[in-house]
C-alpha cells in the first residue's frame, strides 16, 4: 500500500491510497485505488468506511468502473 494523501480534521481521517496486489483467482498483478474515511476516538478506530476501484490497463477489454481524474 502507498498512501498518496492523508488529511485530518479533528477526529476524522481521510486517506487516498494505492495498492499493488495480485488477484487471488488468477495471480494477475493489478493496481487498485482506495479511499478510506475513519473516525478515531480514544486512540482507536471508532468507525470506518472505504471503497476501492480496480484500475485496468488500456489493452484490457473491460473498462474500469468509476472515474479517475489526474490534474497536473
C-alpha atoms as a PDB file:
ATOM      1  CA  UNK A   1       0.000   0.000   0.000  1.00  0.00           C
ATOM      2  CA  UNK A   2       1.142   3.518  -0.798  1.00  0.00           C
ATOM      3  CA  UNK A   3      -0.520   6.433   0.992  1.00  0.00           C
ATOM      4  CA  UNK A   4      -0.936   9.149  -1.635  1.00  0.00           C
ATOM      5  CA  UNK A   5      -2.739  11.743   0.537  1.00  0.00           C
ATOM      6  CA  UNK A   6      -3.971  11.909   4.109  1.00  0.00           C
ATOM      7  CA  UNK A   7      -5.998  14.645   5.774  1.00  0.00           C
ATOM      8  CA  UNK A   8      -7.024  15.053   9.415  1.00  0.00           C
ATOM      9  CA  UNK A   9      -9.807  17.258  10.782  1.00  0.00           C
ATOM     10  CA  UNK A  10     -10.422  16.730  14.487  1.00  0.00           C
ATOM     11  CA  UNK A  11     -11.233  13.039  14.965  1.00  0.00           C
ATOM     12  CA  UNK A  12     -11.770  12.406  11.207  1.00  0.00           C
ATOM     13  CA  UNK A  13      -9.042  10.999   8.923  1.00  0.00           C
ATOM     14  CA  UNK A  14      -9.322  10.725   5.127  1.00  0.00           C
ATOM     15  CA  UNK A  15      -6.769   8.637   3.239  1.00  0.00           C
ATOM     16  CA  UNK A  16      -6.276   8.153  -0.506  1.00  0.00           C
ATOM     17  CA  UNK A  17      -4.121   5.129  -1.261  1.00  0.00           C
ATOM     18  CA  UNK A  18      -2.848   2.843  -3.997  1.00  0.00           C
ATOM     19  CA  UNK A  19      -2.469  -0.914  -3.617  1.00  0.00           C
ATOM     20  CA  UNK A  20      -0.374  -3.111  -5.914  1.00  0.00           C
ATOM     21  CA  UNK A  21      -1.748  -6.626  -5.410  1.00  0.00           C
ATOM     22  CA  UNK A  22      -2.341  -9.938  -7.160  1.00  0.00           C
ATOM     23  CA  UNK A  23      -5.801 -11.310  -7.882  1.00  0.00           C
ATOM     24  CA  UNK A  24      -6.403 -14.391  -5.746  1.00  0.00           C
ATOM     25  CA  UNK A  25      -8.113 -16.346  -8.535  1.00  0.00           C
ATOM     26  CA  UNK A  26      -5.645 -15.674 -11.372  1.00  0.00           C
ATOM     27  CA  UNK A  27      -2.419 -14.360  -9.840  1.00  0.00           C
ATOM     28  CA  UNK A  28      -2.685 -11.335 -12.165  1.00  0.00           C
ATOM     29  CA  UNK A  29      -0.920  -8.215 -10.859  1.00  0.00           C
ATOM     30  CA  UNK A  30      -3.368  -5.292 -10.566  1.00  0.00           C
ATOM     31  CA  UNK A  31      -3.448  -1.772  -9.194  1.00  0.00           C
ATOM     32  CA  UNK A  32      -6.295  -0.547  -7.025  1.00  0.00           C
ATOM     33  CA  UNK A  33      -7.134   2.965  -5.826  1.00  0.00           C
ATOM     34  CA  UNK A  34      -8.761   3.327  -2.409  1.00  0.00           C
ATOM     35  CA  UNK A  35     -10.376   5.977  -0.265  1.00  0.00           C
ATOM     36  CA  UNK A  36     -10.703   5.403   3.478  1.00  0.00           C
ATOM     37  CA  UNK A  37     -12.600   7.596   5.943  1.00  0.00           C
ATOM     38  CA  UNK A  38     -12.165   6.910   9.658  1.00  0.00           C
ATOM     39  CA  UNK A  39     -13.260   8.406  12.963  1.00  0.00           C
ATOM     40  CA  UNK A  40     -10.679   8.000  15.727  1.00  0.00           C
ATOM     41  CA  UNK A  41     -11.762   8.134  19.385  1.00  0.00           C
ATOM     42  CA  UNK A  42      -9.599   7.274  22.361  1.00  0.00           C
ATOM     43  CA  UNK A  43      -6.735   6.379  20.024  1.00  0.00           C
ATOM     44  CA  UNK A  44      -8.788   3.658  18.285  1.00  0.00           C
ATOM     45  CA  UNK A  45     -10.798   3.458  15.085  1.00  0.00           C
ATOM     46  CA  UNK A  46     -14.407   4.036  16.145  1.00  0.00           C
ATOM     47  CA  UNK A  47     -15.986   3.988  12.656  1.00  0.00           C
ATOM     48  CA  UNK A  48     -14.515   3.332   9.219  1.00  0.00           C
ATOM     49  CA  UNK A  49     -15.687   3.385   5.600  1.00  0.00           C
ATOM     50  CA  UNK A  50     -13.705   2.516   2.489  1.00  0.00           C
ATOM     51  CA  UNK A  51     -14.081   1.985  -1.225  1.00  0.00           C
ATOM     52  CA  UNK A  52     -11.714   0.510  -3.814  1.00  0.00           C
ATOM     53  CA  UNK A  53     -11.523   0.883  -7.588  1.00  0.00           C
ATOM     54  CA  UNK A  54      -9.724  -1.663  -9.752  1.00  0.00           C
ATOM     55  CA  UNK A  55      -7.701   0.019 -12.494  1.00  0.00           C
ATOM     56  CA  UNK A  56      -7.399  -1.717 -15.821  1.00  0.00           C
ATOM     57  CA  UNK A  57      -4.697  -1.170 -18.391  1.00  0.00           C
ATOM     58  CA  UNK A  58      -5.775   0.324 -21.750  1.00  0.00           C
ATOM     59  CA  UNK A  59      -5.233  -3.010 -23.559  1.00  0.00           C
ATOM     60  CA  UNK A  60      -7.796  -4.821 -21.387  1.00  0.00           C
ATOM     61  CA  UNK A  61     -11.305  -5.065 -22.892  1.00  0.00           C
ATOM     62  CA  UNK A  62     -13.399  -4.207 -19.830  1.00  0.00           C
ATOM     63  CA  UNK A  63     -13.235  -0.539 -18.765  1.00  0.00           C
ATOM     64  CA  UNK A  64     -12.634   0.334 -15.126  1.00  0.00           C
ATOM     65  CA  UNK A  65     -15.740   1.293 -13.176  1.00  0.00           C
ATOM     66  CA  UNK A  66     -15.896   4.820 -11.807  1.00  0.00           C
ATOM     67  CA  UNK A  67     -13.528   7.526 -12.887  1.00  0.00           C
ATOM     68  CA  UNK A  68     -10.000   8.729 -12.347  1.00  0.00           C
ATOM     69  CA  UNK A  69      -9.052  12.362 -12.791  1.00  0.00           C
ATOM     70  CA  UNK A  70      -5.457  13.480 -12.952  1.00  0.00           C
ATOM     71  CA  UNK A  71      -4.555  17.128 -12.536  1.00  0.00           C
ATOM     72  CA  UNK A  72      -1.113  18.224 -13.492  1.00  0.00           C
END
